[in-house]
């Protein structure tokens, strides 16, 4: 199973305050453990929403809104993509993280092709597998 581990934004991340050397060092060690255990598939921090845009689709039209966005409690500062056997295992890995100071993290399971049932036709499943292989090939 894959899990998206979402690091929520706070006033510092939204203000563009960069983490200290000690936080970067601790996070680097933690990421190293994740990689060595074969858990981490991807992980990145995100620029503040002041550098972002939102695109809303409605009635065949789209509206673009420039950041920053008001509700920091709903914003994302970074993420990981993990491969694990269960949600419980994801929680156990997250407990080892160096986060402190009220940081909020959300863990969500990523849909796999089989989760879509009969709606995921053999043709759609083949397309999904082909696209994943193509993306994987481009990473190398």
N, C-alpha and C. Protein backbone atom coordinates (compact mmCIF):
# COMPACT_ATOMS: atom_id res chain seq x y z
N UNK A 1 0.83 -1.18 0.00
CA UNK A 1 0.00 0.00 0.00
C UNK A 1 0.88 1.25 0.00
N UNK A 2 0.39 2.24 -0.68
CA UNK A 2 1.09 3.52 -0.67
C UNK A 2 0.31 4.50 0.20
N UNK A 3 1.06 5.38 0.86
CA UNK A 3 0.46 6.38 1.72
C UNK A 3 1.06 7.74 1.42
N UNK A 4 0.20 8.76 1.35
CA UNK A 4 0.64 10.13 1.24
C UNK A 4 0.67 10.67 2.67
N UNK A 5 1.83 11.13 3.09
CA UNK A 5 2.00 11.69 4.42
C UNK A 5 2.14 13.20 4.22
N UNK A 6 1.15 13.94 4.70
CA UNK A 6 1.02 15.36 4.39
C UNK A 6 1.41 16.19 5.61
N UNK A 7 2.40 17.04 5.43
CA UNK A 7 2.84 17.94 6.50
C UNK A 7 2.07 19.25 6.34
N UNK A 8 1.29 19.58 7.36
CA UNK A 8 0.48 20.80 7.30
C UNK A 8 1.35 22.04 7.46
N UNK A 9 0.95 23.11 6.81
CA UNK A 9 1.65 24.39 6.89
C UNK A 9 1.36 25.06 8.23
N UNK A 10 2.23 25.98 8.59
CA UNK A 10 1.98 26.83 9.75
C UNK A 10 2.41 28.25 9.38
N UNK A 11 2.31 29.17 10.33
CA UNK A 11 2.62 30.58 10.01
C UNK A 11 4.07 30.74 9.56
N UNK A 12 5.00 29.94 10.10
CA UNK A 12 6.40 30.05 9.68
C UNK A 12 6.62 29.55 8.26
N UNK A 13 6.06 28.38 7.94
CA UNK A 13 6.26 27.85 6.59
C UNK A 13 5.60 28.77 5.56
N UNK A 14 4.45 29.35 5.92
CA UNK A 14 3.76 30.27 5.01
C UNK A 14 4.50 31.59 4.87
N UNK A 15 5.29 31.96 5.88
CA UNK A 15 6.08 33.19 5.82
C UNK A 15 7.41 32.96 5.10
N UNK A 16 7.66 31.71 4.69
CA UNK A 16 8.90 31.41 3.98
C UNK A 16 10.09 31.23 4.90
N UNK A 17 9.84 31.06 6.21
CA UNK A 17 10.93 30.84 7.17
C UNK A 17 11.53 29.47 6.91
N UNK A 18 12.82 29.45 6.63
CA UNK A 18 13.48 28.18 6.34
C UNK A 18 13.83 27.45 7.63
N UNK A 19 13.83 26.12 7.62
CA UNK A 19 14.17 25.36 8.82
C UNK A 19 15.64 25.57 9.20
N UNK A 20 15.92 25.41 10.48
CA UNK A 20 17.28 25.56 10.98
C UNK A 20 18.15 24.38 10.52
N UNK A 21 19.45 24.55 10.67
CA UNK A 21 20.39 23.48 10.32
C UNK A 21 20.10 22.24 11.14
N UNK A 22 19.77 22.41 12.44
CA UNK A 22 19.52 21.23 13.27
C UNK A 22 18.25 20.50 12.83
N UNK A 23 17.23 21.23 12.43
CA UNK A 23 16.01 20.57 11.93
C UNK A 23 16.30 19.86 10.62
N UNK A 24 17.05 20.51 9.73
CA UNK A 24 17.40 19.87 8.45
C UNK A 24 18.23 18.61 8.67
N UNK A 25 19.14 18.66 9.64
CA UNK A 25 19.98 17.50 9.96
C UNK A 25 19.12 16.35 10.51
N UNK A 26 18.23 16.67 11.44
CA UNK A 26 17.36 15.64 12.01
C UNK A 26 16.45 15.04 10.94
N UNK A 27 15.91 15.89 10.07
CA UNK A 27 15.02 15.39 9.01
C UNK A 27 15.82 14.55 8.01
N UNK A 28 17.04 14.96 7.72
CA UNK A 28 17.89 14.17 6.83
C UNK A 28 18.14 12.78 7.38
N UNK A 29 18.40 12.68 8.68
CA UNK A 29 18.62 11.37 9.31
C UNK A 29 17.36 10.52 9.24
N UNK A 30 16.22 11.14 9.49
CA UNK A 30 14.95 10.43 9.44
C UNK A 30 14.66 9.94 8.02
N UNK A 31 14.86 10.81 7.03
CA UNK A 31 14.65 10.42 5.64
C UNK A 31 15.59 9.28 5.25
N UNK A 32 16.82 9.32 5.77
CA UNK A 32 17.78 8.25 5.49
C UNK A 32 17.25 6.91 6.01
N UNK A 33 16.66 6.90 7.20
CA UNK A 33 16.07 5.68 7.76
C UNK A 33 14.93 5.18 6.87
N UNK A 34 14.09 6.10 6.42
CA UNK A 34 12.97 5.73 5.55
C UNK A 34 13.46 5.11 4.25
N UNK A 35 14.47 5.71 3.65
CA UNK A 35 15.01 5.21 2.38
C UNK A 35 15.66 3.84 2.58
N UNK A 36 16.49 3.70 3.61
CA UNK A 36 17.16 2.42 3.87
C UNK A 36 16.18 1.30 4.14
N UNK A 37 15.03 1.62 4.74
CA UNK A 37 14.01 0.61 5.04
C UNK A 37 13.11 0.33 3.84
N UNK A 38 13.31 1.07 2.73
CA UNK A 38 12.50 0.87 1.54
C UNK A 38 11.10 1.45 1.66
N UNK A 39 10.91 2.38 2.59
CA UNK A 39 9.60 2.98 2.85
C UNK A 39 9.35 4.19 1.94
N UNK A 40 10.34 5.06 1.82
CA UNK A 40 10.15 6.34 1.14
C UNK A 40 10.26 6.20 -0.38
N UNK A 41 9.19 6.61 -1.06
CA UNK A 41 9.19 6.65 -2.53
C UNK A 41 9.47 8.06 -3.03
N UNK A 42 9.04 9.07 -2.26
CA UNK A 42 9.27 10.47 -2.60
C UNK A 42 9.04 11.30 -1.35
N UNK A 43 9.59 12.49 -1.35
CA UNK A 43 9.37 13.41 -0.24
C UNK A 43 9.92 14.78 -0.58
N UNK A 44 9.13 15.81 -0.37
CA UNK A 44 9.55 17.16 -0.72
C UNK A 44 8.89 18.17 0.19
N UNK A 45 9.55 19.30 0.37
CA UNK A 45 8.94 20.46 1.01
C UNK A 45 8.39 21.35 -0.09
N UNK A 46 7.42 22.18 0.26
CA UNK A 46 6.77 23.05 -0.72
C UNK A 46 7.01 24.52 -0.37
N UNK A 47 7.14 25.34 -1.41
CA UNK A 47 7.23 26.78 -1.21
C UNK A 47 5.91 27.27 -0.61
N UNK A 48 5.92 28.44 0.04
CA UNK A 48 4.68 28.97 0.62
C UNK A 48 3.65 29.29 -0.46
N UNK A 49 2.39 29.40 -0.04
CA UNK A 49 1.32 29.64 -1.00
C UNK A 49 1.41 31.02 -1.65
N UNK A 50 2.22 31.91 -1.08
CA UNK A 50 2.40 33.23 -1.73
C UNK A 50 3.02 33.06 -3.12
N UNK A 51 3.66 31.93 -3.36
CA UNK A 51 4.25 31.65 -4.67
C UNK A 51 3.37 30.70 -5.49
N UNK A 52 2.18 30.39 -4.99
CA UNK A 52 1.31 29.43 -5.65
C UNK A 52 0.09 30.05 -6.30
N UNK A 53 -0.67 29.20 -6.94
CA UNK A 53 -1.93 29.58 -7.57
C UNK A 53 -2.94 28.47 -7.32
N UNK A 54 -4.21 28.83 -7.33
CA UNK A 54 -5.29 27.85 -7.29
C UNK A 54 -6.10 28.01 -8.56
N UNK A 55 -6.51 26.87 -9.10
CA UNK A 55 -7.33 26.86 -10.31
C UNK A 55 -8.64 26.18 -9.96
N UNK A 56 -9.75 26.90 -10.13
CA UNK A 56 -11.07 26.35 -9.84
C UNK A 56 -11.80 26.12 -11.16
N UNK A 57 -12.34 24.92 -11.31
CA UNK A 57 -13.07 24.53 -12.51
C UNK A 57 -14.56 24.52 -12.20
N UNK A 58 -15.35 25.19 -13.04
CA UNK A 58 -16.79 25.23 -12.83
C UNK A 58 -17.48 25.58 -14.14
N UNK A 59 -18.42 24.75 -14.54
CA UNK A 59 -19.20 25.03 -15.74
C UNK A 59 -18.37 25.17 -17.00
N UNK A 60 -17.32 24.39 -17.13
CA UNK A 60 -16.48 24.45 -18.32
C UNK A 60 -15.50 25.62 -18.33
N UNK A 61 -15.46 26.39 -17.25
CA UNK A 61 -14.54 27.53 -17.15
C UNK A 61 -13.60 27.31 -15.98
N UNK A 62 -12.55 28.09 -15.95
CA UNK A 62 -11.63 28.01 -14.82
C UNK A 62 -11.30 29.42 -14.33
N UNK A 63 -11.12 29.50 -13.02
CA UNK A 63 -10.76 30.75 -12.37
C UNK A 63 -9.42 30.54 -11.68
N UNK A 64 -8.50 31.46 -11.88
CA UNK A 64 -7.17 31.35 -11.29
C UNK A 64 -7.05 32.39 -10.18
N UNK A 65 -6.64 31.92 -9.01
CA UNK A 65 -6.43 32.79 -7.86
C UNK A 65 -4.97 32.72 -7.46
N UNK A 66 -4.34 33.88 -7.33
CA UNK A 66 -2.94 33.93 -6.87
C UNK A 66 -2.90 33.79 -5.36
N UNK A 67 -1.82 33.15 -4.87
CA UNK A 67 -1.61 33.06 -3.43
C UNK A 67 -1.14 34.40 -2.90
N UNK A 68 -1.04 34.57 -1.62
CA UNK A 68 -1.20 33.55 -0.57
C UNK A 68 -2.67 33.25 -0.29
N UNK A 69 -2.89 32.12 0.36
CA UNK A 69 -4.23 31.68 0.69
C UNK A 69 -4.45 31.83 2.19
N UNK A 70 -5.64 32.20 2.58
CA UNK A 70 -5.93 32.64 3.95
C UNK A 70 -5.84 31.55 5.01
N UNK A 71 -6.44 30.42 4.83
CA UNK A 71 -6.56 29.42 5.89
C UNK A 71 -5.33 28.53 5.99
N UNK A 72 -4.34 28.93 6.80
CA UNK A 72 -3.12 28.13 6.90
C UNK A 72 -3.36 26.74 7.45
N UNK A 73 -4.39 26.53 8.27
CA UNK A 73 -4.62 25.20 8.84
C UNK A 73 -4.98 24.18 7.75
N UNK A 74 -5.37 24.63 6.58
CA UNK A 74 -5.73 23.73 5.49
C UNK A 74 -4.64 23.64 4.41
N UNK A 75 -3.50 24.25 4.64
CA UNK A 75 -2.45 24.29 3.63
C UNK A 75 -1.40 23.22 3.90
N UNK A 76 -0.66 22.89 2.85
CA UNK A 76 0.36 21.84 2.91
C UNK A 76 1.74 22.47 2.77
N UNK A 77 2.66 22.07 3.65
CA UNK A 77 4.03 22.57 3.61
C UNK A 77 4.99 21.55 2.98
N UNK A 78 4.59 20.28 2.94
CA UNK A 78 5.45 19.24 2.38
C UNK A 78 4.74 17.91 2.40
N UNK A 79 5.42 16.90 1.86
CA UNK A 79 4.80 15.57 1.78
C UNK A 79 5.85 14.49 1.61
N UNK A 80 5.43 13.28 1.92
CA UNK A 80 6.17 12.06 1.57
C UNK A 80 5.20 11.14 0.86
N UNK A 81 5.74 10.25 0.07
CA UNK A 81 4.99 9.13 -0.46
C UNK A 81 5.71 7.89 0.04
N UNK A 82 4.99 7.07 0.83
CA UNK A 82 5.57 5.89 1.46
C UNK A 82 4.90 4.62 0.94
N UNK A 83 5.68 3.54 0.92
CA UNK A 83 5.19 2.20 0.58
C UNK A 83 5.29 1.35 1.83
N UNK A 84 4.13 0.91 2.35
CA UNK A 84 4.09 0.12 3.58
C UNK A 84 2.99 -0.92 3.50
N UNK A 85 2.93 -1.79 4.52
CA UNK A 85 1.92 -2.85 4.54
C UNK A 85 0.59 -2.38 5.12
N UNK A 86 0.60 -1.32 5.96
CA UNK A 86 -0.65 -0.93 6.62
C UNK A 86 -0.59 0.51 7.11
N UNK A 87 -1.76 1.05 7.44
CA UNK A 87 -1.85 2.37 8.04
C UNK A 87 -1.15 2.37 9.40
N UNK A 88 -1.29 1.29 10.16
CA UNK A 88 -0.63 1.20 11.46
C UNK A 88 0.88 1.33 11.33
N UNK A 89 1.44 0.70 10.30
CA UNK A 89 2.88 0.80 10.07
C UNK A 89 3.26 2.24 9.71
N UNK A 90 2.43 2.92 8.93
CA UNK A 90 2.70 4.33 8.60
C UNK A 90 2.70 5.18 9.86
N UNK A 91 1.76 4.94 10.75
CA UNK A 91 1.71 5.69 12.01
C UNK A 91 2.96 5.42 12.83
N UNK A 92 3.38 4.17 12.90
CA UNK A 92 4.59 3.83 13.66
C UNK A 92 5.83 4.54 13.10
N UNK A 93 5.96 4.60 11.78
CA UNK A 93 7.08 5.34 11.17
C UNK A 93 6.99 6.82 11.50
N UNK A 94 5.80 7.38 11.44
CA UNK A 94 5.64 8.80 11.70
C UNK A 94 5.97 9.15 13.14
N UNK A 95 5.69 8.26 14.07
CA UNK A 95 6.03 8.50 15.48
C UNK A 95 7.53 8.69 15.68
N UNK A 96 8.34 8.17 14.78
CA UNK A 96 9.80 8.28 14.88
C UNK A 96 10.32 9.60 14.31
N UNK A 97 9.45 10.38 13.70
CA UNK A 97 9.88 11.61 13.03
C UNK A 97 10.35 12.65 14.05
N UNK A 98 11.17 13.59 13.61
CA UNK A 98 11.68 14.62 14.52
C UNK A 98 10.75 15.81 14.71
N UNK A 99 9.49 15.71 14.30
CA UNK A 99 8.58 16.85 14.43
C UNK A 99 8.27 17.16 15.89
N UNK A 100 8.00 18.45 16.12
CA UNK A 100 7.67 18.92 17.45
C UNK A 100 6.92 20.24 17.31
N UNK A 101 6.56 20.84 18.39
CA UNK A 101 6.02 22.20 18.37
C UNK A 101 4.65 22.35 17.74
N UNK A 102 3.80 21.33 17.85
CA UNK A 102 2.45 21.46 17.34
C UNK A 102 2.28 21.14 15.86
N UNK A 103 3.31 20.60 15.22
CA UNK A 103 3.20 20.22 13.81
C UNK A 103 2.10 19.19 13.64
N UNK A 104 1.29 19.37 12.61
CA UNK A 104 0.21 18.42 12.33
C UNK A 104 0.51 17.69 11.03
N UNK A 105 0.37 16.38 11.07
CA UNK A 105 0.65 15.52 9.92
C UNK A 105 -0.61 14.71 9.62
N UNK A 106 -0.92 14.56 8.35
CA UNK A 106 -2.07 13.76 7.93
C UNK A 106 -1.55 12.60 7.08
N UNK A 107 -2.09 11.41 7.31
CA UNK A 107 -1.71 10.23 6.53
C UNK A 107 -2.94 9.76 5.77
N UNK A 108 -2.79 9.60 4.45
CA UNK A 108 -3.91 9.15 3.62
C UNK A 108 -3.42 8.03 2.70
N UNK A 109 -4.19 6.96 2.62
CA UNK A 109 -3.85 5.87 1.71
C UNK A 109 -4.11 6.32 0.27
N UNK A 110 -3.20 5.96 -0.61
CA UNK A 110 -3.31 6.27 -2.03
C UNK A 110 -4.13 5.17 -2.71
N UNK A 111 -5.07 5.56 -3.57
CA UNK A 111 -5.83 4.57 -4.32
C UNK A 111 -4.91 3.78 -5.25
N UNK A 112 -5.16 2.49 -5.32
CA UNK A 112 -4.49 1.62 -6.29
C UNK A 112 -5.54 1.24 -7.33
N UNK A 113 -5.12 0.79 -8.49
CA UNK A 113 -6.04 0.46 -9.58
C UNK A 113 -7.14 -0.49 -9.13
N UNK A 114 -6.81 -1.49 -8.32
CA UNK A 114 -7.80 -2.48 -7.88
C UNK A 114 -8.89 -1.87 -7.00
N UNK A 115 -8.61 -0.75 -6.36
CA UNK A 115 -9.60 -0.10 -5.49
C UNK A 115 -10.81 0.41 -6.26
N UNK A 116 -10.69 0.59 -7.56
CA UNK A 116 -11.77 1.16 -8.36
C UNK A 116 -12.77 0.11 -8.86
N UNK A 117 -12.50 -1.16 -8.57
CA UNK A 117 -13.44 -2.23 -8.92
C UNK A 117 -13.66 -2.35 -10.42
N UNK A 118 -14.90 -2.68 -10.79
CA UNK A 118 -15.25 -2.96 -12.19
C UNK A 118 -15.11 -1.72 -13.09
N UNK A 119 -15.16 -0.54 -12.49
CA UNK A 119 -15.01 0.69 -13.29
C UNK A 119 -13.62 0.77 -13.93
N UNK A 120 -12.63 0.12 -13.31
CA UNK A 120 -11.27 0.10 -13.86
C UNK A 120 -11.19 -1.08 -14.82
N UNK A 121 -11.52 -0.82 -16.07
CA UNK A 121 -11.53 -1.86 -17.10
C UNK A 121 -10.12 -2.36 -17.35
N UNK A 122 -9.97 -3.53 -17.98
CA UNK A 122 -8.64 -4.01 -18.33
C UNK A 122 -7.86 -2.99 -19.17
N UNK A 123 -8.55 -2.27 -20.05
CA UNK A 123 -7.88 -1.27 -20.90
C UNK A 123 -7.36 -0.10 -20.05
N UNK A 124 -8.18 0.34 -19.11
CA UNK A 124 -7.75 1.44 -18.23
C UNK A 124 -6.60 0.99 -17.32
N UNK A 125 -6.68 -0.25 -16.84
CA UNK A 125 -5.61 -0.79 -15.99
C UNK A 125 -4.30 -0.87 -16.78
N UNK A 126 -4.38 -1.32 -18.03
CA UNK A 126 -3.19 -1.40 -18.88
C UNK A 126 -2.61 0.00 -19.10
N UNK A 127 -3.48 0.97 -19.35
CA UNK A 127 -3.03 2.35 -19.54
C UNK A 127 -2.31 2.86 -18.28
N UNK A 128 -2.90 2.60 -17.12
CA UNK A 128 -2.31 3.01 -15.85
C UNK A 128 -0.91 2.41 -15.68
N UNK A 129 -0.77 1.12 -15.93
CA UNK A 129 0.51 0.43 -15.81
C UNK A 129 1.54 0.98 -16.81
N UNK A 130 1.08 1.25 -18.03
CA UNK A 130 1.98 1.80 -19.06
C UNK A 130 2.48 3.18 -18.65
N UNK A 131 1.59 4.02 -18.15
CA UNK A 131 1.98 5.37 -17.74
C UNK A 131 2.93 5.34 -16.55
N UNK A 132 2.68 4.45 -15.58
CA UNK A 132 3.60 4.31 -14.44
C UNK A 132 4.99 3.90 -14.91
N UNK A 133 5.04 2.95 -15.84
CA UNK A 133 6.32 2.49 -16.36
C UNK A 133 7.04 3.63 -17.08
N UNK A 134 6.31 4.43 -17.83
CA UNK A 134 6.89 5.56 -18.55
C UNK A 134 7.45 6.60 -17.58
N UNK A 135 6.69 6.90 -16.53
CA UNK A 135 7.16 7.86 -15.53
C UNK A 135 8.40 7.33 -14.84
N UNK A 136 8.38 6.06 -14.48
CA UNK A 136 9.52 5.45 -13.80
C UNK A 136 10.77 5.49 -14.67
N UNK A 137 10.60 5.25 -15.97
CA UNK A 137 11.72 5.27 -16.91
C UNK A 137 12.32 6.68 -17.01
N UNK A 138 11.48 7.71 -16.95
CA UNK A 138 11.95 9.09 -17.06
C UNK A 138 12.72 9.54 -15.82
N UNK A 139 12.48 8.89 -14.68
CA UNK A 139 13.19 9.25 -13.44
C UNK A 139 14.66 8.84 -13.51
N UNK A 140 14.95 7.85 -14.31
CA UNK A 140 16.32 7.29 -14.34
C UNK A 140 17.24 8.07 -15.22
